[in-house]
Every structure is written in structure tokens, then in C-alpha cells.
Protein backbone atom coordinates (compact mmCIF):
# COMPACT_ATOMS: atom_id res chain seq x y z
CA MET A 1 -45.39 -11.27 -3.93
CA ARG A 2 -49.13 -10.48 -2.04
CA LEU A 3 -49.36 -7.36 -0.44
CA SER A 4 -51.04 -7.24 3.40
CA ALA A 5 -53.96 -4.86 4.10
CA LEU A 6 -52.94 -1.45 5.15
CA PRO A 7 -54.42 -1.15 8.29
CA PRO A 8 -57.01 2.15 8.37
CA ILE A 9 -55.91 5.48 8.97
CA THR A 10 -58.21 7.36 11.31
CA GLN A 11 -57.93 11.32 10.88
CA PRO A 12 -54.50 12.46 12.57
CA SER A 13 -55.09 15.27 15.77
CA PRO A 14 -53.46 18.55 14.73
CA CYS A 15 -49.38 17.82 17.18
CA THR A 16 -47.28 19.89 17.54
CA LEU A 17 -44.20 18.81 15.79
CA THR A 18 -42.50 20.84 13.71
CA ARG A 19 -41.83 20.40 10.22
CA SER A 20 -38.30 19.70 10.67
CA ASP A 21 -39.30 17.42 12.88
CA CYS A 22 -40.78 15.73 10.90
CA LEU A 23 -38.95 15.69 8.13
CA GLY A 24 -35.58 14.52 10.43
CA GLY A 25 -36.18 14.77 14.02
CA PRO A 26 -36.48 11.44 16.01
CA VAL A 27 -40.03 10.52 15.20
CA ALA A 28 -39.22 10.36 11.28
CA GLY A 29 -39.22 6.73 10.81
CA ALA A 30 -42.06 6.70 12.72
CA GLY A 31 -43.58 7.87 9.25
CA CYS A 32 -44.16 11.08 10.69
CA LEU A 33 -46.56 13.24 7.72
CA TRP A 34 -46.90 16.13 7.05
CA LEU A 35 -49.93 17.65 6.06
CA GLY A 36 -49.89 21.19 6.10
CA THR A 37 -50.42 24.34 7.87
CA GLU A 38 -53.82 25.39 9.01
CA THR A 39 -54.86 28.39 10.91
CA PRO A 40 -58.25 28.00 12.99
CA ALA A 41 -61.12 30.54 12.74
CA SER A 42 -61.23 30.66 16.55
CA SER A 43 -57.36 31.26 16.57
CA PRO A 44 -56.47 34.71 18.29
CA LEU A 45 -54.20 35.89 16.23
CA GLN A 46 -56.08 35.99 13.03
CA GLY A 47 -55.68 39.32 12.01
CA VAL A 48 -52.33 39.27 12.44
CA ALA A 49 -50.72 39.82 8.34
CA SER A 50 -47.25 39.48 9.82
CA GLY A 51 -43.96 40.06 12.19
CA PRO A 52 -42.99 37.11 14.12
CA LEU A 53 -46.11 36.78 15.97
CA ALA A 54 -48.37 35.43 13.13
CA GLN A 55 -45.77 32.79 12.10
CA GLU A 56 -45.18 31.86 15.43
CA SER A 57 -49.07 31.65 15.80
CA ARG A 58 -48.63 29.31 12.07
CA ARG A 59 -45.94 27.23 13.20
CA SER A 60 -48.35 26.24 16.45
CA TYR A 61 -51.61 25.13 13.74
CA ARG A 62 -49.47 23.35 11.32
CA LYS A 63 -51.39 19.73 10.79
CA MET A 64 -49.20 16.90 11.46
CA ALA A 65 -50.09 13.31 11.99
CA CYS A 66 -47.56 9.88 13.30
CA LEU A 67 -47.89 7.35 10.93
CA PRO A 68 -46.84 3.59 12.28
CA ALA A 69 -43.22 2.92 10.72
CA THR A 70 -44.85 -0.40 9.20
CA PRO A 71 -42.55 -2.38 6.52
CA LEU A 72 -44.88 -1.04 3.93
CA ALA A 73 -45.49 1.60 4.51
CA LEU A 74 -41.51 1.95 4.56
CA ASP A 75 -40.99 0.59 1.12
CA LEU A 76 -44.36 2.14 -0.76
CA ARG A 77 -41.69 5.12 0.34
CA LYS A 78 -38.57 4.06 -1.13
CA TRP A 79 -40.32 2.68 -4.07
CA LEU A 80 -42.02 7.22 -4.37
CA GLY A 81 -38.61 8.62 -4.40
CA LEU A 82 -36.22 6.06 -6.10
CA GLY A 83 -39.92 7.05 -8.96
CA LEU A 84 -39.40 10.82 -8.72
CA PHE A 85 -35.26 10.19 -9.46
CA VAL A 86 -35.61 8.78 -12.50
CA LEU A 87 -38.59 11.27 -13.55
CA LEU A 88 -35.94 14.11 -12.38
CA CYS A 89 -33.32 12.20 -14.60
CA LEU A 90 -35.97 11.82 -17.62
CA HIS A 91 -36.42 15.74 -17.71
CA LEU A 92 -32.99 16.86 -17.31
CA GLY A 93 -31.74 14.70 -20.53
CA TYR A 94 -34.27 15.74 -22.84
CA GLY A 95 -33.62 19.09 -21.90
CA LEU A 96 -30.09 18.46 -22.32
CA GLU A 97 -30.92 17.06 -25.94
CA LYS A 98 -33.20 19.93 -26.58
CA LYS A 99 -30.25 21.95 -25.85
CA THR A 100 -28.12 20.14 -28.77
CA VAL A 101 -27.38 20.97 -32.21
CA ASN A 102 -25.07 19.70 -34.70
CA SER A 103 -23.88 20.55 -38.12
CA LYS A 104 -21.01 20.24 -40.16
CA VAL A 105 -18.19 22.05 -41.96
CA GLY A 106 -19.89 24.87 -44.60
CA ALA A 107 -23.47 23.96 -43.59
CA LYS A 108 -25.73 26.53 -42.76
CA VAL A 109 -27.41 25.90 -39.77
CA GLY A 110 -29.71 27.20 -37.35
CA LEU A 111 -29.95 28.44 -33.07
CA PRO A 112 -33.06 28.09 -31.72
CA CYS A 113 -34.22 30.91 -29.45
CA CYS A 114 -35.93 30.42 -25.96
CA HIS A 115 -38.63 33.25 -27.29
CA GLU A 116 -40.91 34.12 -29.32
CA ILE A 117 -42.59 37.26 -30.13
CA PRO A 118 -46.22 37.16 -30.11
CA SER A 119 -47.83 38.55 -33.28
CA SER A 120 -49.90 41.16 -31.33
CA GLU A 121 -45.67 42.72 -30.22
CA SER A 122 -42.71 43.51 -32.45
CA LEU A 123 -39.50 43.18 -32.59
CA GLN A 124 -39.16 46.72 -31.26
CA ASN A 125 -40.85 45.95 -28.11
CA TYR A 126 -37.76 44.22 -26.98
CA ARG A 127 -33.79 43.52 -27.30
CA VAL A 128 -32.42 40.74 -28.02
CA TYR A 129 -28.59 39.16 -27.41
CA TRP A 130 -27.10 36.26 -29.06
CA GLN A 131 -23.00 35.12 -27.17
CA LYS A 132 -20.97 33.08 -27.42
CA ASN A 133 -19.50 31.69 -24.17
CA THR A 134 -20.71 34.35 -22.08
CA THR A 135 -17.70 36.59 -23.90
CA GLU A 136 -18.43 38.02 -27.16
CA VAL A 137 -21.75 38.68 -28.71
CA VAL A 138 -22.35 37.50 -31.99
CA LEU A 139 -25.34 39.29 -33.11
CA ALA A 140 -27.38 42.55 -31.05
CA TYR A 141 -31.02 44.06 -31.30
CA ALA A 142 -32.73 46.98 -30.26
CA GLU A 143 -35.81 48.42 -30.49
CA GLY A 144 -35.96 46.44 -34.10
CA LYS A 145 -32.19 47.37 -34.90
CA LYS A 146 -29.47 45.69 -35.60
CA ILE A 147 -27.08 47.10 -32.90
CA SER A 148 -23.69 44.99 -32.63
CA THR A 149 -22.56 41.69 -34.97
CA HIS A 150 -18.44 40.73 -33.88
CA LYS A 151 -15.93 40.51 -37.03
CA ARG A 152 -16.39 37.01 -37.27
CA TYR A 153 -19.88 36.47 -37.74
CA GLU A 154 -19.81 39.44 -40.25
CA ASN A 155 -21.50 38.67 -43.28
CA ARG A 156 -22.87 35.50 -41.82
CA THR A 157 -25.01 36.05 -39.50
CA GLU A 158 -28.80 36.94 -39.77
CA MET A 159 -32.07 36.29 -36.80
CA ASN A 160 -35.20 35.35 -37.24
CA THR A 161 -37.60 38.52 -36.50
CA SER A 162 -40.36 36.36 -35.61
CA ASN A 163 -38.56 33.32 -33.12
CA LEU A 164 -35.35 34.94 -32.77
CA THR A 165 -33.57 32.07 -34.41
CA LEU A 166 -30.30 32.24 -34.96
CA LEU A 167 -28.82 31.81 -38.07
CA ILE A 168 -24.85 30.98 -38.86
CA SER A 169 -23.70 30.34 -42.67
CA ALA A 170 -21.17 28.77 -44.26
CA VAL A 171 -20.19 27.13 -40.40
CA GLU A 172 -16.34 27.21 -39.86
CA ILE A 173 -14.69 25.30 -36.40
CA LEU A 174 -14.67 27.70 -34.99
CA ASP A 175 -17.37 28.20 -34.58
CA ASN A 176 -18.01 24.84 -32.06
CA GLY A 177 -19.14 25.91 -29.05
CA SER A 178 -21.82 27.31 -26.56
CA TYR A 179 -24.79 29.55 -27.26
CA GLN A 180 -26.45 31.55 -25.29
CA CYS A 181 -30.00 34.17 -26.40
CA VAL A 182 -30.53 36.51 -24.00
CA VAL A 183 -34.32 38.06 -24.76
CA GLN A 184 -35.41 41.81 -22.57
CA HIS A 185 -39.04 43.72 -23.08
CA ARG A 186 -38.58 46.69 -22.46
CA ARG A 187 -42.16 48.41 -21.13
CA SER A 188 -43.07 52.15 -20.77
CA SER A 189 -42.59 52.85 -17.31
CA GLN A 190 -40.44 50.32 -16.08
CA ASN A 191 -36.66 48.67 -16.27
CA PRO A 192 -36.14 46.16 -19.57
CA VAL A 193 -37.06 42.58 -17.75
CA VAL A 194 -35.29 39.47 -18.78
CA VAL A 195 -37.77 37.36 -20.42
CA CYS A 196 -35.10 34.26 -21.66
CA ASP A 197 -31.73 33.25 -21.29
CA GLU A 198 -31.12 29.86 -21.96
CA SER A 199 -27.61 27.91 -23.68
CA LEU A 200 -27.21 25.74 -26.14
CA THR A 201 -23.77 23.64 -27.47
CA LEU A 202 -22.98 23.81 -31.30
CA PHE A 203 -21.32 21.33 -31.49
CA VAL A 204 -19.70 20.82 -35.90
CA THR A 205 -18.21 18.64 -37.13
CA ALA A 206 -15.92 17.72 -40.73
CA ASP A 207 -15.73 14.87 -42.43
CA PHE A 208 -12.57 12.95 -42.19
CA SER A 209 -10.95 11.21 -46.16
CA MET A 210 -11.83 7.94 -46.85
CA PRO A 211 -8.99 5.44 -44.59
CA ASN A 212 -5.57 3.76 -46.92
CA ILE A 213 -4.62 1.32 -45.72
CA THR A 214 -0.41 0.75 -47.49
CA ALA A 215 1.49 -2.42 -46.83
CA GLU A 216 4.96 -2.41 -46.70
CA VAL A 217 7.29 -6.34 -46.12
CA SER A 218 9.88 -5.70 -43.17
CA ALA A 219 11.12 -9.17 -43.33
CA GLU A 220 10.59 -12.86 -45.36
CA THR A 221 10.34 -16.31 -44.35
CA CYS A 222 9.40 -19.65 -46.15
CA GLU A 223 6.46 -19.31 -43.74
CA SER A 224 5.25 -15.90 -42.97
CA THR A 225 6.15 -12.47 -44.57
CA GLU A 226 6.42 -9.78 -42.15
CA MET A 227 4.59 -6.89 -42.91
CA VAL A 228 4.11 -2.73 -41.20
CA VAL A 229 0.00 -2.34 -41.67
CA LYS A 230 -0.40 1.71 -41.81
CA CYS A 231 -4.05 3.57 -41.72
CA SER A 232 -4.00 7.06 -42.54
CA SER A 233 -7.41 9.71 -42.58
CA TYR A 234 -7.11 13.53 -42.43
CA GLY A 235 -8.35 16.88 -42.76
CA GLY A 236 -11.28 15.98 -39.98
CA PHE A 237 -12.84 16.89 -36.35
CA PRO A 238 -13.33 16.54 -33.70
CA LYS A 239 -10.58 14.65 -32.69
CA PRO A 240 -11.65 10.35 -34.03
CA LYS A 241 -11.21 7.41 -32.78
CA ILE A 242 -9.34 4.09 -34.40
CA SER A 243 -10.89 1.04 -35.30
CA GLY A 244 -9.56 -1.93 -37.34
CA ALA A 245 -10.25 -5.67 -37.37
CA ILE A 246 -8.08 -8.72 -38.81
CA ASN A 247 -10.93 -11.65 -40.54
CA ASN A 248 -13.44 -10.30 -38.89
CA GLU A 249 -10.93 -10.19 -34.78
CA SER A 250 -10.96 -6.51 -33.78
CA VAL A 251 -7.11 -5.66 -33.71
CA VAL A 252 -5.67 -2.54 -31.29
CA TRP A 253 -3.41 0.36 -33.61
CA ASN A 254 -0.70 2.18 -32.55
CA ALA A 255 -2.73 5.11 -32.73
CA SER A 256 -1.15 9.24 -33.21
CA TRP A 257 -3.04 12.79 -34.03
CA VAL A 258 -1.82 15.92 -35.38
CA SER A 259 -4.02 18.59 -34.60
CA GLU A 260 -2.55 22.39 -35.00
CA SER A 261 -4.90 23.50 -32.53
CA ASN A 262 -7.98 22.58 -29.94
CA PHE A 263 -10.16 23.57 -32.92
CA SER A 264 -8.47 22.61 -36.12
CA PRO A 265 -8.54 19.51 -38.10
CA TYR A 266 -6.94 16.20 -36.98
CA ASN A 267 -4.36 13.88 -39.16
CA VAL A 268 -4.61 10.87 -37.63
CA THR A 269 -2.27 7.59 -37.96
CA GLY A 270 -2.87 4.16 -37.39
CA GLU A 271 0.08 1.72 -37.22
CA LEU A 272 0.67 -2.88 -37.10
CA ARG A 273 3.28 -5.29 -37.52
CA LEU A 274 0.66 -8.13 -39.07
CA ASN A 275 3.02 -11.85 -39.98
CA VAL A 276 1.16 -13.32 -43.21
CA THR A 277 0.96 -16.95 -43.13
CA LYS A 278 -1.35 -16.71 -46.71
CA GLU A 279 -3.98 -14.42 -46.54
CA ASP A 280 -5.73 -11.49 -44.44
CA ASN A 281 -8.13 -9.13 -44.74
CA ILE A 282 -7.58 -6.11 -42.25
CA THR A 283 -10.57 -3.34 -41.35
CA CYS A 284 -9.66 0.30 -40.36
CA SER A 285 -12.59 2.66 -39.64
CA VAL A 286 -12.08 5.88 -38.58
CA GLU A 287 -15.04 6.82 -36.15
CA TYR A 288 -15.83 10.33 -35.61
CA SER A 289 -19.27 12.16 -34.41
CA GLY A 290 -21.56 9.20 -34.75
CA PHE A 291 -19.80 8.93 -38.14
CA ALA A 292 -17.74 6.72 -39.51
CA LYS A 293 -15.75 5.25 -42.65
CA SER A 294 -14.27 2.47 -43.47
CA THR A 295 -11.78 0.77 -45.92
CA SER A 296 -10.47 -2.76 -46.04
CA LEU A 297 -7.52 -4.27 -47.71
CA LEU A 298 -6.20 -8.10 -48.76
CA LEU A 299 -2.65 -8.90 -47.62
CA LYS A 300 -0.55 -12.19 -49.07
CA ASN A 301 2.49 -13.70 -48.44
CA THR A 302 4.71 -11.99 -51.49
CA ASN A 303 7.69 -14.86 -50.62
CA LYS A 304 7.58 -18.27 -53.51
CA CYS A 305 10.31 -19.82 -51.58
CA ILE A 306 10.68 -23.61 -51.93
CA VAL A 307 10.74 -25.99 -48.72
CA PRO A 308 13.02 -28.07 -49.06
CA THR A 309 12.00 -32.02 -48.21
CA ALA A 310 12.54 -34.40 -45.20
CA PRO A 311 15.29 -36.81 -45.45
CA PRO A 312 14.40 -40.27 -46.07
CA SER A 313 14.12 -42.98 -43.41
CA TYR A 314 16.63 -46.01 -43.48
CA ASN A 315 14.38 -48.83 -44.93
CA VAL A 316 13.27 -46.44 -47.47
CA ILE A 317 17.63 -45.97 -48.47
CA THR A 318 18.03 -49.95 -47.87
CA ALA A 319 14.76 -51.10 -49.84
CA SER A 320 16.22 -48.67 -52.84
CA SER A 321 19.68 -49.22 -52.43
CA ILE A 322 18.47 -53.42 -53.65
CA ILE A 323 15.86 -52.37 -56.29
CA ILE A 324 19.19 -50.30 -57.95
CA ILE A 325 21.41 -53.51 -57.98
CA ILE A 326 19.30 -55.73 -58.72
CA SER A 327 17.95 -53.12 -62.08
CA LEU A 328 22.27 -53.10 -62.48
CA LEU A 329 22.66 -56.39 -62.66
CA ALA A 330 19.04 -57.88 -64.64
CA ILE A 331 21.16 -54.91 -67.29
CA ALA A 332 25.11 -56.37 -67.57
CA LEU A 333 23.76 -60.18 -67.82
CA ALA A 334 20.91 -58.43 -70.52
CA ALA A 335 23.89 -56.76 -71.93
CA ARG A 336 25.93 -59.51 -71.98
CA TYR A 337 23.43 -62.17 -73.33
CA PHE A 338 23.01 -59.42 -76.75
CA SER A 339 26.55 -59.12 -77.00
CA ARG A 340 27.00 -63.07 -77.53
CA GLN A 341 24.03 -63.03 -80.45
CA VAL A 342 25.84 -60.02 -81.60
CA CYS A 343 29.25 -61.58 -82.38
CA SER A 344 27.55 -64.93 -83.33
CA ARG A 345 25.77 -63.40 -86.46
CA CYS A 346 28.90 -61.32 -87.04
CA TYR A 347 30.92 -64.30 -86.98
CA LYS A 348 28.93 -66.15 -89.32
CA ALA A 349 28.57 -63.02 -91.87
CA GLN A 350 32.23 -62.95 -91.63
CA ASP A 351 32.50 -66.50 -92.67
CA SER A 352 30.32 -66.50 -96.44
CA VAL A 353 32.32 -62.81 -96.91
CA GLU A 354 35.30 -64.90 -96.89
CA GLU A 355 33.89 -67.45 -99.27
CA GLY A 356 32.27 -65.88 -102.47
CA GLU A 357 36.01 -63.82 -101.84
CA LYS A 358 37.59 -67.19 -102.35
CA GLU A 359 34.69 -67.46 -105.66
CA CYS A 360 35.93 -64.25 -106.92
CA MET A 361 39.63 -65.57 -106.90
CA LYS A 362 39.49 -69.01 -109.15
CA PRO A 363 41.06 -67.87 -112.39
CA ALA A 364 37.66 -67.20 -115.79
CA MET A 365 38.49 -69.51 -118.08
CA SER A 366 38.99 -69.04 -121.71
CA PRO A 367 37.11 -69.33 -124.39
CA LYS A 368 38.62 -71.41 -126.60
CA VAL A 369 39.08 -74.51 -123.64
CA THR A 370 35.67 -73.86 -123.37
CA SER A 371 34.90 -74.75 -126.93
CA GLU A 372 36.80 -77.85 -126.76
CA ALA A 373 35.27 -78.49 -124.12
CA SER A 374 31.90 -78.97 -125.67
CA SER A 375 33.15 -80.30 -128.53
CA VAL A 376 34.20 -83.16 -126.83
């Protein structure tokens, strides 16, 4: 997009408009430009230092100019305002990020203060107060000596005497919250002056146990197995979020949390009802304060029943019947043929046996007759 050239700006002459007119008055849309305040040397009220008269003099000599309300000028003003707004948001976000400290239960953490004592001075010239939630003093120093320590933080806190950092050992869940560092400078002839007053937030986390997944069969059919799947984890802080997936597809758990108070460890349990047909890979994840722990389990269909086959069709039954009948007839004919062959053999064998018996029944000739026959 090509921008048209801006018209030349001539030296604006002082006008009688006030700043309120320029910001919200009827000429504001005309591009009124605030150029500051000037008291000319020729002003008859130049020597007046204060008072209503001097204020009126300065107001009457404010330098104003009315610029034409061109579309380009209005666009530039909008973009300039948007840029300033973005810079302000970035600055605020950076400031909030600096005022946040994370720690885990049982660790040692340092909370930075907003002031550092110069090397040319000592802690004796300062008063330092570390407070929590602006209601309880965690640690306090005056004239270089410790003057107060909260009972719950006793033997767990100390302060760096140069950069005033508060050190907390064996961090507990109850240490979670907002802290404030207040530093006063003691001068010889004046009351203490506050040189630093800034707050920061300590976020404490406690690790959850590795999620445990269990599956219990509630019903079975030949096609699928209905299971009640539970995922549980305990002993963590803050309140977690439980999520999961089945075969890489997200699922929503019916989650429930148990905790004695807002600053006590949490136990979380998620439940699902599933119909498992073959094999399903289920994953359970517990997420808390930027951390996450996950566990997976392979679910299988435990039922091994035999599914009955479908009844054969009419054509198959007819063809099978014909084949069976033909087979039976063939067997019957074959049996009859073989039976005849066997009977004929039996008859022949019987005749030969009878002939043998007849030969055996003939009377034997005596030796005498035999000799006579031989002599003849």
C-alpha cells in the first residue's frame, strides 16, 4: 500500500485552546496537537511564582495547534496507540514473570528482594521485613540483628545480608502463597524511609505418584468384554488434571479428587467403562503445575467362546442328501457282490471237504489180500 505524502506543517501559532479541549473537546477530532507550555519573556506576570494568577498566566500561554483531520493522520494515531498498548502489556507480563518463584516440597528456595545494600553501607542502617500475605512476619531484621521469626518458619529461614534474599529450607505446601519484602533506610535525623516494597508469589508443587491403571471385567459376550478401568494417583499438589487416550484417541475420565484442605496433598481417581473387542492400548496422564506423569496398559478380550456357524442353505442340504444316498447305494451293491463271491468260495471248499471225508470212510484192505493180489 502506497501512502500519500503528508502536507507540509507550518509553524503553528499559539491559540487559546486548553488541554482538555485538545483531548476531548469539539476540536479533538480535527487533530489538535499539544505542544507544551511556554511563558514568554514579555509576559507581565513572569515574576509571579505561584498562585491562581500565575496559573492563569501559564494556561493562557499554552502552545496549541489544530491539525487537519486527514485519514492518514488518524490511522497513524490509531497505530501509535495500539503499539503503546502492546508495549505496556509486554512490560507488565515481564514484571509478573519476574515476581514468580517455583519450588518443590522438601527443596530449598530463595526469594529475591527488591533492594540490595551497597558495599559502602551495612545492614545496621536498614530495617528489613519479610512478610507473607501481608498478615504474618516471616523474618525481620533491625540494626543488623534478627528481631523476629515466625514460629512455623523457625530453623527453616535465613536472609542474605547483602542482597536480602530470603532462603527457605525444607519447603512445605503451606509455604505456598504471596510474600512481600519491605526495606526501610534509617537516617540520622529523620524517620525511616521506605526504599523498597515489592511482592512476589511462591508456587509450591509436590510430585504425584506414577498413575496406576486397573481393569475389572463387569460383563462378557462372544463379541466383546465390558470392563471398568480405573486410574489413580496420590500425594501431589496442586490440584491435578487427569487425561487419557485409547489407541491414540483422547478420552474423558470421570475424575474425582480427595484432599483434606486447599493446602493438603491431593488424591485423584479417574474411571472409564469400555467394551473391548480385541486389544486396546489405554494411557492415563496426571498433569500438575507444568509437570506430567503417564502410564499405559494393554487391554484384551478375555472371552474365548465358540461362535455357532450359520445353518447351511437348502441347495447345500439337497446336494448333500443326494450324495449320501448314492454312497449308501454303492456300499450296498458292493456288499452284495462281495457276499456272493464269498459264498461261492464257501461252497467249493465244502465240496472238497465232503470228498475228503468219503475217501476216509472207505475200508482199508488187509495185507493178506494185498499179497494175493500181487501174486496173481
